[in-house]
Amino acid sequence: MAAAFGRSLCSAFSLLFIAAALFFTTAVAEIRFTEIRSDDRSTIPFDQFGFTHSGLLELKVSEVSLMSDQNHKPDLSQVGFFLCTLDSWIHVLEQFTEGEIPCFLQSNLIKQVYTFDKLQNADRFDSRFNVSDANQFTLVFANCVPNLKVSMNVHSAMYNLDPKTGRRDYLSVGKVNLPWIYFLFFLIYASLAGIWIYILYSKRLSVFAIHFFMLAVIVLKALNLLCESEDKSYIKRTGTAHGWDVLFYIFSFLKGITLFTLIVLIGTGWSFLKPYLQDKEKKVLMIVIPLQVVANVAQVVIDETGPYGHDTYTWKQVFLLVDVICCCAVLFPIAWSIKNLREAARTDGKAAVNLMKLTLFRQYYIVVICYIYFTRVVVYALETITSYRYQWTSVVAAELATLAFYVFTGYNFRPKAHNPYFALDDEEEEAAAEALKLEDEFEL
C-alpha cells in the first residue's frame, strides 16, 4: 500500500514538473521591460532599487502614444518620470493634497528624470540619470493631466558602478551578498543530503518510504538554492538571469509542494507508523498540493510583474490567502495523530511506547507552528523594519529557520533499529502509564 501511494505521488509530481516547465517564463530582473496601454492613472510605480553614491538609471521609452478627450493641447510638462524615496513620497503626497503643488513632478523632494514636453513630437526617448544620493529610490511615472491616456513601452535599467573597476552591479545594494549566501546554504544542504544518504545506508534495515521522501525534499531544497545563487549572480553581473530563474522557479515549485506534503505525511505517521492514509488525510493532501500550485503561480506572477505591477496587489492577496490555508491544513494531521495516540495509550497497554510517540508528535506540532510563524510573520517584519542596505538579513533569518526545521525533522524521524518498538521492563511501563494518567489534556 505504501509503495503504491509512493508511486502515485511520484507520478503526480512528474506531471506537476512538466506543467511548471511549460508555464514559467524568464524574468527580467533589475533590467525591466513594461508595457503600458491606455493607462490614465496619476502615478504608476515601476521598480525599487537601492543605490550607492555612484548609481545610474537608464530609461528607454518607445511607442509613446497620448490620447486626450480635451480640445486644447495637454500640458506635457506635467507628464513624466521621477525618482523618489518612500519617506519623501509621504511628504510629496502631503504637498499635493494641501494644494502646495499642482503635480508630483513639481515637488522639490523628488528627482525629476524626464518630462514629456521634451519629446518634441517624437514617440521615443532615451535618458541616462546619475544618482549620487545613497538611498532606496522608486521609479515612478506621473500623469497629472486629467483624462489623458498614455501608452508606451518602458525599458528601465538601474545599477551601481564599482568606483574602482567601473563594473556594473545590477543588484540593489542590500542584495549584493545574496549570491554567496545562497551558495553557502546550498553547500550546507548538499552536505546534509550526503549525511542522510549515509544514514539510510547504515540503517537500511529500518528505512521506510518516508525517509526516501525526506531525502528528495533535501535534494530539491539544495538545487533550489543553487539555482537561486546562480540567478542572483547573473543578475548582479548582467541584469538578467539567463534562464536560471526558470530552473529556480521549477525547483522552488517542487520544493514547496514536497515540503508541505512531507509535513502532512509525517503528521499522519505514514510508512513509519502505518502503511496507509485515511480518507481524511488524503483529502488534506488533495487540498494542500493544488493550493501550493496556486501559491507558486502567484509568486511567479508577483516576481515577473515587479512590486508595482497592475495586478500585483491582487496576486499578493491570493498568495497570502493560499499560504495561510496550507499552513493551517498541515496542522490537522498532526493533531489527529496526537488524538489517536492518546486514545491508543488508554487501550492497548503500551503506555511507554505511546507516551514516547505522543511526546514526539507534540514537539513536532509546536515546531511546525513556530516554523510557520517565524518564516511568515517574523521574516516579513524583519523585511519591513530593516534598512534597505541590510535586506539580506531577512533572507539569512528565513534560511536559518528553514535549516533548523529540516535538521529537527530529520533527527527526530531518522531511521532507528528499534523506533519506536523496543523492549521495556515493567517498571518503565508502569511509570509511563502513570505519566499518561497524570498529565493534562494537550490543547490543540
Protein backbone atom coordinates (compact mmCIF):
# COMPACT_ATOMS: atom_id res chain seq x y z
CA MET A 1 0.00 0.00 0.00
CA ALA A 2 2.80 2.39 0.96
CA ALA A 3 4.69 1.57 -2.24
CA ALA A 4 1.58 2.17 -4.36
CA PHE A 5 0.97 5.51 -2.69
CA GLY A 6 4.62 6.42 -3.21
CA ARG A 7 4.38 5.62 -6.93
CA SER A 8 1.21 7.72 -7.26
CA LEU A 9 2.97 10.64 -5.54
CA CYS A 10 5.93 10.33 -7.93
CA SER A 11 3.58 10.34 -10.93
CA ALA A 12 1.75 13.40 -9.65
CA PHE A 13 4.99 15.32 -9.06
CA SER A 14 6.26 14.35 -12.53
CA LEU A 15 3.16 15.88 -14.13
CA LEU A 16 3.49 18.99 -11.97
CA PHE A 17 7.16 19.30 -13.01
CA ILE A 18 6.22 19.27 -16.70
CA ALA A 19 3.45 21.81 -16.11
CA ALA A 20 5.86 24.07 -14.26
CA ALA A 21 8.43 23.88 -17.06
CA LEU A 22 5.82 24.86 -19.64
CA PHE A 23 4.29 27.67 -17.60
CA PHE A 24 7.18 29.65 -16.14
CA THR A 25 8.85 32.31 -18.27
CA THR A 26 12.05 34.23 -17.88
CA ALA A 27 12.15 37.20 -15.53
CA VAL A 28 13.94 40.40 -16.48
CA ALA A 29 15.23 41.17 -13.01
CA GLU A 30 16.78 44.63 -12.48
CA ILE A 31 16.53 45.29 -16.22
CA ARG A 32 12.81 45.52 -16.63
CA PHE A 33 10.55 45.87 -19.68
CA THR A 34 7.00 47.10 -19.09
CA GLU A 35 4.13 47.73 -21.50
CA ILE A 36 1.65 50.48 -20.62
CA ARG A 37 -1.57 50.55 -22.63
CA SER A 38 -4.23 53.33 -22.45
CA ASP A 39 -3.48 53.97 -18.78
CA ASP A 40 -4.82 57.14 -17.14
CA ARG A 41 -3.52 56.53 -13.60
CA SER A 42 -1.99 59.62 -11.99
CA THR A 43 1.02 57.61 -10.79
CA ILE A 44 2.50 54.31 -12.00
CA PRO A 45 5.34 52.96 -9.82
CA PHE A 46 7.76 50.74 -11.70
CA ASP A 47 10.52 49.36 -9.51
CA GLN A 48 12.60 49.93 -6.38
CA PHE A 49 16.37 49.93 -6.24
CA GLY A 50 18.96 50.64 -3.54
CA PHE A 51 21.58 52.99 -4.98
CA THR A 52 25.08 53.77 -3.77
CA HIS A 53 26.75 57.16 -4.39
CA SER A 54 27.57 56.00 -7.92
CA GLY A 55 24.16 54.83 -9.12
CA LEU A 56 22.72 55.11 -12.61
CA LEU A 57 19.27 54.85 -14.18
CA GLU A 58 18.95 54.12 -17.89
CA LEU A 59 15.48 54.74 -19.25
CA LYS A 60 14.40 53.91 -22.79
CA VAL A 61 10.79 54.66 -23.71
CA SER A 62 9.32 53.89 -27.14
CA GLU A 63 5.97 53.89 -28.96
CA VAL A 64 4.67 56.77 -26.85
CA SER A 65 1.01 57.49 -27.57
CA LEU A 66 -1.12 60.10 -25.80
CA MET A 67 -4.91 60.24 -26.09
CA SER A 68 -6.99 63.01 -24.55
CA ASP A 69 -10.67 63.96 -24.81
CA GLN A 70 -9.81 67.62 -24.26
CA ASN A 71 -9.88 70.11 -27.15
CA HIS A 72 -6.77 72.02 -26.10
CA LYS A 73 -3.25 70.62 -26.13
CA PRO A 74 -2.34 68.99 -22.80
CA ASP A 75 0.49 70.39 -20.69
CA LEU A 76 3.09 67.66 -21.13
CA SER A 77 5.40 69.19 -18.52
CA GLN A 78 3.02 67.52 -16.04
CA VAL A 79 3.69 64.09 -17.54
CA GLY A 80 6.96 62.27 -16.98
CA PHE A 81 9.22 60.11 -14.82
CA PHE A 82 10.83 60.78 -11.46
CA LEU A 83 12.70 59.03 -8.64
CA CYS A 84 11.52 59.24 -5.07
CA THR A 85 12.25 57.63 -1.70
CA LEU A 86 9.45 56.25 0.44
CA ASP A 87 9.92 58.90 3.12
CA SER A 88 9.89 61.70 0.55
CA TRP A 89 6.82 60.26 -1.16
CA ILE A 90 4.77 60.70 2.02
CA HIS A 91 5.67 64.41 2.10
CA VAL A 92 5.04 64.76 -1.65
CA LEU A 93 1.52 63.44 -1.15
CA GLU A 94 1.01 65.97 1.66
CA GLN A 95 2.16 68.76 -0.65
CA PHE A 96 -0.21 67.62 -3.38
CA THR A 97 -3.28 67.14 -1.16
CA GLU A 98 -2.74 70.50 0.54
CA GLY A 99 -2.51 72.26 -2.85
CA GLU A 100 1.11 73.36 -2.48
CA ILE A 101 1.97 71.75 -5.85
CA PRO A 102 -0.33 71.05 -8.85
CA CYS A 103 1.69 67.98 -9.89
CA PHE A 104 4.07 65.49 -8.29
CA LEU A 105 6.73 66.42 -10.83
CA GLN A 106 6.94 69.94 -9.40
CA SER A 107 7.89 68.86 -5.90
CA ASN A 108 11.34 69.77 -4.63
CA LEU A 109 11.51 66.40 -2.82
CA ILE A 110 11.75 64.25 -5.94
CA LYS A 111 14.42 63.70 -8.59
CA GLN A 112 12.91 64.58 -11.95
CA VAL A 113 14.19 62.23 -14.65
CA TYR A 114 12.26 63.21 -17.80
CA THR A 115 9.12 65.15 -18.75
CA PHE A 116 7.17 64.60 -21.95
CA ASP A 117 7.32 68.25 -23.06
CA LYS A 118 10.87 67.39 -24.23
CA LEU A 119 9.56 64.84 -26.75
CA GLN A 120 9.09 67.48 -29.48
CA ASN A 121 6.57 65.34 -31.41
CA ALA A 122 8.79 62.25 -31.18
CA ASP A 123 7.42 58.95 -29.95
CA ARG A 124 10.55 57.74 -28.13
CA PHE A 125 13.40 58.93 -25.95
CA ASP A 126 16.48 57.65 -24.11
CA SER A 127 17.53 59.09 -20.78
CA ARG A 128 20.52 58.44 -18.53
CA PHE A 129 20.23 59.75 -14.99
CA ASN A 130 23.01 59.80 -12.38
CA VAL A 131 22.03 59.09 -8.77
CA SER A 132 24.60 60.42 -6.31
CA ASP A 133 22.48 60.08 -3.15
CA ALA A 134 22.82 56.67 -1.50
CA ASN A 135 19.24 55.61 -0.80
CA GLN A 136 16.45 53.36 -1.99
CA PHE A 137 14.52 55.03 -4.78
CA THR A 138 11.36 54.09 -6.63
CA LEU A 139 10.99 54.90 -10.32
CA VAL A 140 7.55 56.47 -10.81
CA PHE A 141 5.62 57.72 -13.84
CA ALA A 142 3.38 60.72 -13.13
CA ASN A 143 0.42 61.84 -15.23
CA CYS A 144 -1.19 64.96 -13.81
CA VAL A 145 -3.29 65.76 -16.91
CA PRO A 146 -6.94 64.74 -16.38
CA ASN A 147 -8.35 62.12 -18.77
CA LEU A 148 -5.02 61.69 -20.57
CA LYS A 149 -4.46 58.05 -21.53
CA VAL A 150 -0.86 57.02 -22.03
CA SER A 151 0.53 54.07 -23.98
CA MET A 152 4.25 53.27 -24.13
CA ASN A 153 6.93 50.62 -23.81
CA VAL A 154 9.30 51.25 -20.92
CA HIS A 155 12.74 49.66 -20.70
CA SER A 156 14.47 50.55 -17.43
CA ALA A 157 17.84 49.51 -16.03
CA MET A 158 19.10 50.51 -12.59
CA TYR A 159 22.57 49.67 -11.37
CA ASN A 160 25.51 50.82 -9.27
CA LEU A 161 29.05 51.33 -10.58
CA ASP A 162 32.08 49.97 -8.76
CA PRO A 163 34.26 53.08 -8.09
CA LYS A 164 37.49 51.09 -8.68
CA THR A 165 36.68 48.92 -11.70
CA GLY A 166 33.67 50.73 -13.18
CA ARG A 167 31.84 47.40 -13.31
CA ARG A 168 28.05 47.48 -13.21
CA ASP A 169 26.20 45.84 -10.30
CA TYR A 170 22.53 45.30 -11.12
CA LEU A 171 21.63 44.03 -7.65
CA SER A 172 20.23 46.52 -5.17
CA VAL A 173 22.81 47.49 -2.56
CA GLY A 174 21.06 45.42 0.12
CA LYS A 175 21.12 42.28 -2.05
CA VAL A 176 24.72 42.21 -3.30
CA ASN A 177 25.61 39.48 -0.80
CA LEU A 178 22.78 37.14 -1.82
CA PRO A 179 24.69 35.06 -4.43
CA TRP A 180 27.29 33.77 -1.97
CA ILE A 181 24.73 33.50 0.87
CA TYR A 182 22.53 31.19 -1.24
CA PHE A 183 25.59 29.22 -2.37
CA LEU A 184 26.73 28.75 1.23
CA PHE A 185 23.33 27.33 2.19
CA PHE A 186 23.45 25.13 -0.92
CA LEU A 187 26.70 23.62 0.35
CA ILE A 188 25.11 23.04 3.77
CA TYR A 189 22.10 21.23 2.29
CA ALA A 190 24.31 19.24 -0.08
CA SER A 191 26.28 18.10 2.98
CA LEU A 192 23.03 17.23 4.76
CA ALA A 193 21.94 15.17 1.75
CA GLY A 194 25.23 13.26 1.89
CA ILE A 195 24.85 12.64 5.62
CA TRP A 196 21.25 11.50 5.11
CA ILE A 197 22.30 9.05 2.37
CA TYR A 198 24.91 7.61 4.73
CA ILE A 199 22.26 7.22 7.48
CA LEU A 200 19.86 5.50 5.07
CA TYR A 201 22.61 3.09 4.00
CA SER A 202 23.83 2.31 7.51
CA LYS A 203 20.26 1.87 8.84
CA ARG A 204 18.86 0.30 5.67
CA LEU A 205 17.02 -2.46 7.56
CA SER A 206 14.86 0.13 9.36
CA VAL A 207 14.36 2.58 6.47
CA PHE A 208 10.81 3.43 5.37
CA ALA A 209 9.47 5.14 2.27
CA ILE A 210 9.10 8.42 4.17
CA HIS A 211 12.88 8.55 4.66
CA PHE A 212 13.49 8.49 0.90
CA PHE A 213 10.88 11.20 0.53
CA MET A 214 12.79 13.27 3.10
CA LEU A 215 15.95 12.82 1.00
CA ALA A 216 14.07 14.11 -2.06
CA VAL A 217 13.00 17.21 -0.11
CA ILE A 218 16.60 17.94 0.92
CA VAL A 219 17.90 17.47 -2.64
CA LEU A 220 15.21 19.75 -4.10
CA LYS A 221 15.98 22.40 -1.47
CA ALA A 222 19.70 22.22 -2.33
CA LEU A 223 19.01 22.52 -6.08
CA ASN A 224 16.62 25.39 -5.42
CA LEU A 225 19.35 27.26 -3.52
CA LEU A 226 21.95 26.55 -6.23
CA CYS A 227 19.66 27.95 -8.93
CA GLU A 228 18.82 30.96 -6.76
CA SER A 229 22.53 31.61 -6.25
CA GLU A 230 23.24 31.44 -9.99
CA ASP A 231 20.13 33.51 -10.73
CA LYS A 232 21.27 36.33 -8.43
CA SER A 233 24.86 36.03 -9.65
CA TYR A 234 23.87 36.54 -13.30
CA ILE A 235 21.53 39.39 -12.38
CA LYS A 236 24.32 41.03 -10.41
CA ARG A 237 26.67 40.94 -13.44
CA THR A 238 24.31 41.34 -16.42
CA GLY A 239 20.91 42.46 -15.13
CA THR A 240 19.17 39.33 -16.43
CA ALA A 241 19.02 35.76 -15.15
CA HIS A 242 19.94 33.99 -18.41
CA GLY A 243 17.43 31.20 -17.79
CA TRP A 244 18.48 30.37 -14.23
CA ASP A 245 15.24 31.88 -12.96
CA VAL A 246 13.30 29.22 -14.89
CA LEU A 247 15.18 26.45 -13.07
CA PHE A 248 14.77 28.34 -9.80
CA TYR A 249 11.00 28.57 -10.26
CA ILE A 250 10.76 24.88 -11.14
CA PHE A 251 12.75 23.69 -8.11
CA SER A 252 11.02 26.22 -5.86
CA PHE A 253 7.70 24.89 -7.13
CA LEU A 254 8.65 21.27 -6.42
CA LYS A 255 10.36 22.09 -3.12
CA GLY A 256 7.28 23.89 -1.79
CA ILE A 257 4.93 21.07 -2.73
CA THR A 258 7.16 18.29 -1.41
CA LEU A 259 7.85 20.11 1.88
CA PHE A 260 4.17 20.59 2.68
CA THR A 261 3.47 17.03 1.57
CA LEU A 262 6.24 15.77 3.85
CA ILE A 263 4.82 17.65 6.85
CA VAL A 264 1.41 16.11 6.16
CA LEU A 265 2.83 12.58 5.73
CA ILE A 266 4.93 12.81 8.90
CA GLY A 267 1.93 14.21 10.74
CA THR A 268 -0.13 11.18 9.72
CA GLY A 269 2.65 8.75 10.64
CA TRP A 270 2.59 7.33 7.11
CA SER A 271 5.00 4.44 6.42
CA PHE A 272 6.81 4.51 9.77
CA LEU A 273 3.70 4.11 12.00
CA LYS A 274 1.15 2.88 9.49
CA PRO A 275 1.34 1.79 5.82
CA TYR A 276 -1.75 3.68 4.64
CA LEU A 277 -3.51 7.03 4.71
CA GLN A 278 -7.05 7.52 5.94
CA ASP A 279 -9.56 9.23 3.66
CA LYS A 280 -9.48 12.48 5.63
CA GLU A 281 -5.68 12.52 5.44
CA LYS A 282 -5.80 12.02 1.68
CA LYS A 283 -8.23 14.91 1.44
CA VAL A 284 -5.76 17.17 3.23
CA LEU A 285 -3.13 16.26 0.63
CA MET A 286 -5.59 16.87 -2.18
CA ILE A 287 -6.18 20.34 -0.73
CA VAL A 288 -2.57 21.23 0.04
CA ILE A 289 -0.99 20.19 -3.28
CA PRO A 290 -3.29 22.20 -5.62
CA LEU A 291 -3.12 25.20 -3.28
CA GLN A 292 0.67 25.05 -3.38
CA VAL A 293 0.44 25.11 -7.18
CA VAL A 294 -1.70 28.26 -6.97
CA ALA A 295 0.69 29.81 -4.42
CA ASN A 296 3.70 29.20 -6.67
CA VAL A 297 1.91 30.61 -9.72
CA ALA A 298 1.02 33.72 -7.69
CA GLN A 299 4.64 34.08 -6.55
CA VAL A 300 5.91 33.87 -10.14
CA VAL A 301 3.41 36.49 -11.34
CA ILE A 302 4.48 38.80 -8.50
CA ASP A 303 8.17 38.34 -9.37
CA GLU A 304 7.60 38.76 -13.12
CA THR A 305 5.47 41.90 -12.94
CA GLY A 306 7.53 43.60 -10.25
CA PRO A 307 6.36 45.01 -6.92
CA TYR A 308 4.08 47.56 -8.59
CA GLY A 309 2.51 45.60 -11.44
CA HIS A 310 -1.08 46.30 -12.38
CA ASP A 311 -2.40 43.12 -10.72
CA THR A 312 0.41 42.58 -8.21
CA TYR A 313 -1.73 43.54 -5.21
CA THR A 314 -4.42 41.01 -6.18
CA TRP A 315 -1.87 38.24 -6.66
CA LYS A 316 -0.25 39.09 -3.31
CA GLN A 317 -3.62 38.67 -1.61
CA VAL A 318 -4.10 35.34 -3.39
CA PHE A 319 -0.65 34.19 -2.33
CA LEU A 320 -1.16 35.16 1.31
CA LEU A 321 -4.61 33.55 1.49
CA VAL A 322 -3.47 30.29 -0.09
CA ASP A 323 -0.33 30.16 2.03
CA VAL A 324 -2.31 30.65 5.25
CA ILE A 325 -4.76 27.89 4.25
CA CYS A 326 -1.87 25.49 3.51
CA CYS A 327 -0.14 26.31 6.79
CA CYS A 328 -3.33 25.64 8.73
CA ALA A 329 -4.18 22.47 6.77
CA VAL A 330 -0.86 20.73 7.51
CA LEU A 331 -1.50 21.03 11.25
CA PHE A 332 -4.66 18.88 11.16
CA PRO A 333 -2.94 15.51 10.50
CA ILE A 334 -0.53 16.12 13.39
CA ALA A 335 -3.45 16.96 15.67
CA TRP A 336 -5.31 13.83 14.57
CA SER A 337 -2.23 11.69 15.26
CA ILE A 338 -1.90 13.15 18.75
CA LYS A 339 -5.56 12.42 19.43
CA ASN A 340 -5.24 8.84 18.14
CA LEU A 341 -2.12 8.24 20.24
CA ARG A 342 -3.89 9.47 23.37
CA GLU A 343 -6.77 7.11 22.72
CA ALA A 344 -4.40 4.22 21.99
CA ALA A 345 -2.50 4.88 25.22
CA ARG A 346 -5.65 4.13 27.20
CA THR A 347 -6.50 0.88 25.43
CA ASP A 348 -3.54 -1.06 24.03
CA GLY A 349 -1.42 -1.39 27.17
CA LYS A 350 1.72 0.05 25.56
CA ALA A 351 1.94 3.16 27.71
CA ALA A 352 5.68 3.79 27.33
CA VAL A 353 5.68 3.43 23.55
CA ASN A 354 2.62 5.64 23.16
CA LEU A 355 3.99 8.22 25.58
CA MET A 356 7.20 8.46 23.53
CA LYS A 357 5.30 8.82 20.25
CA LEU A 358 2.87 11.28 21.82
CA THR A 359 5.73 13.45 23.10
CA LEU A 360 7.41 13.40 19.69
CA PHE A 361 4.27 14.44 17.82
CA ARG A 362 3.56 17.20 20.34
CA GLN A 363 7.06 18.56 19.83
CA TYR A 364 6.66 18.35 16.06
CA TYR A 365 3.30 20.14 16.24
CA ILE A 366 4.86 23.02 18.21
CA VAL A 367 7.94 23.18 15.95
CA VAL A 368 5.77 23.33 12.79
CA ILE A 369 3.77 26.20 14.29
CA CYS A 370 6.97 28.04 15.25
CA TYR A 371 8.46 27.47 11.79
CA ILE A 372 5.36 28.77 10.04
CA TYR A 373 5.09 31.79 12.36
CA PHE A 374 8.77 32.70 12.01
CA THR A 375 9.02 32.35 8.23
CA ARG A 376 5.68 34.09 7.55
CA VAL A 377 5.47 36.76 10.26
CA VAL A 378 8.87 37.40 11.83
CA VAL A 379 10.73 37.39 8.49
CA TYR A 380 8.17 39.79 6.98
CA ALA A 381 8.54 42.10 9.98
CA LEU A 382 12.31 41.94 9.58
CA GLU A 383 12.00 42.89 5.90
CA THR A 384 9.80 45.84 6.87
CA ILE A 385 11.91 47.34 9.66
CA THR A 386 15.39 46.61 8.26
CA SER A 387 17.24 49.29 6.33
CA TYR A 388 17.45 48.78 2.56
CA ARG A 389 21.20 48.26 2.97
CA TYR A 390 20.58 45.10 5.02
CA GLN A 391 17.84 43.38 3.05
CA TRP A 392 19.96 40.22 3.01
CA THR A 393 19.43 39.73 6.76
CA SER A 394 15.80 38.64 6.28
CA VAL A 395 16.97 36.02 3.75
CA VAL A 396 19.55 34.68 6.21
CA ALA A 397 16.95 34.57 9.00
CA ALA A 398 14.47 32.65 6.83
CA GLU A 399 17.10 30.18 5.62
CA LEU A 400 18.42 29.56 9.13
CA ALA A 401 14.89 28.88 10.39
CA THR A 402 14.27 26.50 7.49
CA LEU A 403 17.60 24.74 8.11
CA ALA A 404 16.75 24.32 11.81
CA PHE A 405 13.35 22.87 10.87
CA TYR A 406 14.91 20.40 8.42
CA VAL A 407 17.52 19.29 10.98
CA PHE A 408 14.90 18.86 13.71
CA THR A 409 12.66 16.82 11.42
CA GLY A 410 15.50 14.65 10.17
CA TYR A 411 16.95 14.00 13.61
CA ASN A 412 13.65 13.10 15.29
CA PHE A 413 12.29 10.95 12.44
CA ARG A 414 15.56 9.33 11.34
CA PRO A 415 15.69 5.55 10.80
CA LYS A 416 16.12 3.69 14.08
CA ALA A 417 16.58 -0.02 14.63
CA HIS A 418 14.04 -0.03 17.44
CA ASN A 419 11.94 3.01 16.69
CA PRO A 420 9.59 3.14 18.46
CA TYR A 421 9.08 -0.51 19.42
CA PHE A 422 11.74 -1.55 21.91
CA ALA A 423 11.91 -3.82 24.91
CA LEU A 424 10.73 -2.31 28.20
CA ASP A 425 10.71 -3.59 31.71
CA ASP A 426 7.62 -3.48 33.92
CA GLU A 427 8.80 -0.52 35.98
CA GLU A 428 9.27 1.68 32.90
CA GLU A 429 5.86 0.64 31.58
CA GLU A 430 4.17 1.46 34.90
CA ALA A 431 5.93 4.83 35.12
CA ALA A 432 4.81 5.73 31.61
CA ALA A 433 1.23 4.68 32.34
CA GLU A 434 1.23 6.87 35.44
CA ALA A 435 2.58 9.81 33.44
CA LEU A 436 -0.21 9.45 30.90
CA LYS A 437 -2.81 9.46 33.65
CA LEU A 438 -1.44 12.49 35.46
CA GLU A 439 -0.72 14.81 32.54
CA ASP A 440 -3.29 17.35 31.48
CA GLU A 441 -5.08 17.32 28.17
CA PHE A 442 -2.97 18.78 25.34
CA GLU A 443 -4.85 21.70 23.86
CA LEU A 444 -4.58 21.99 20.09
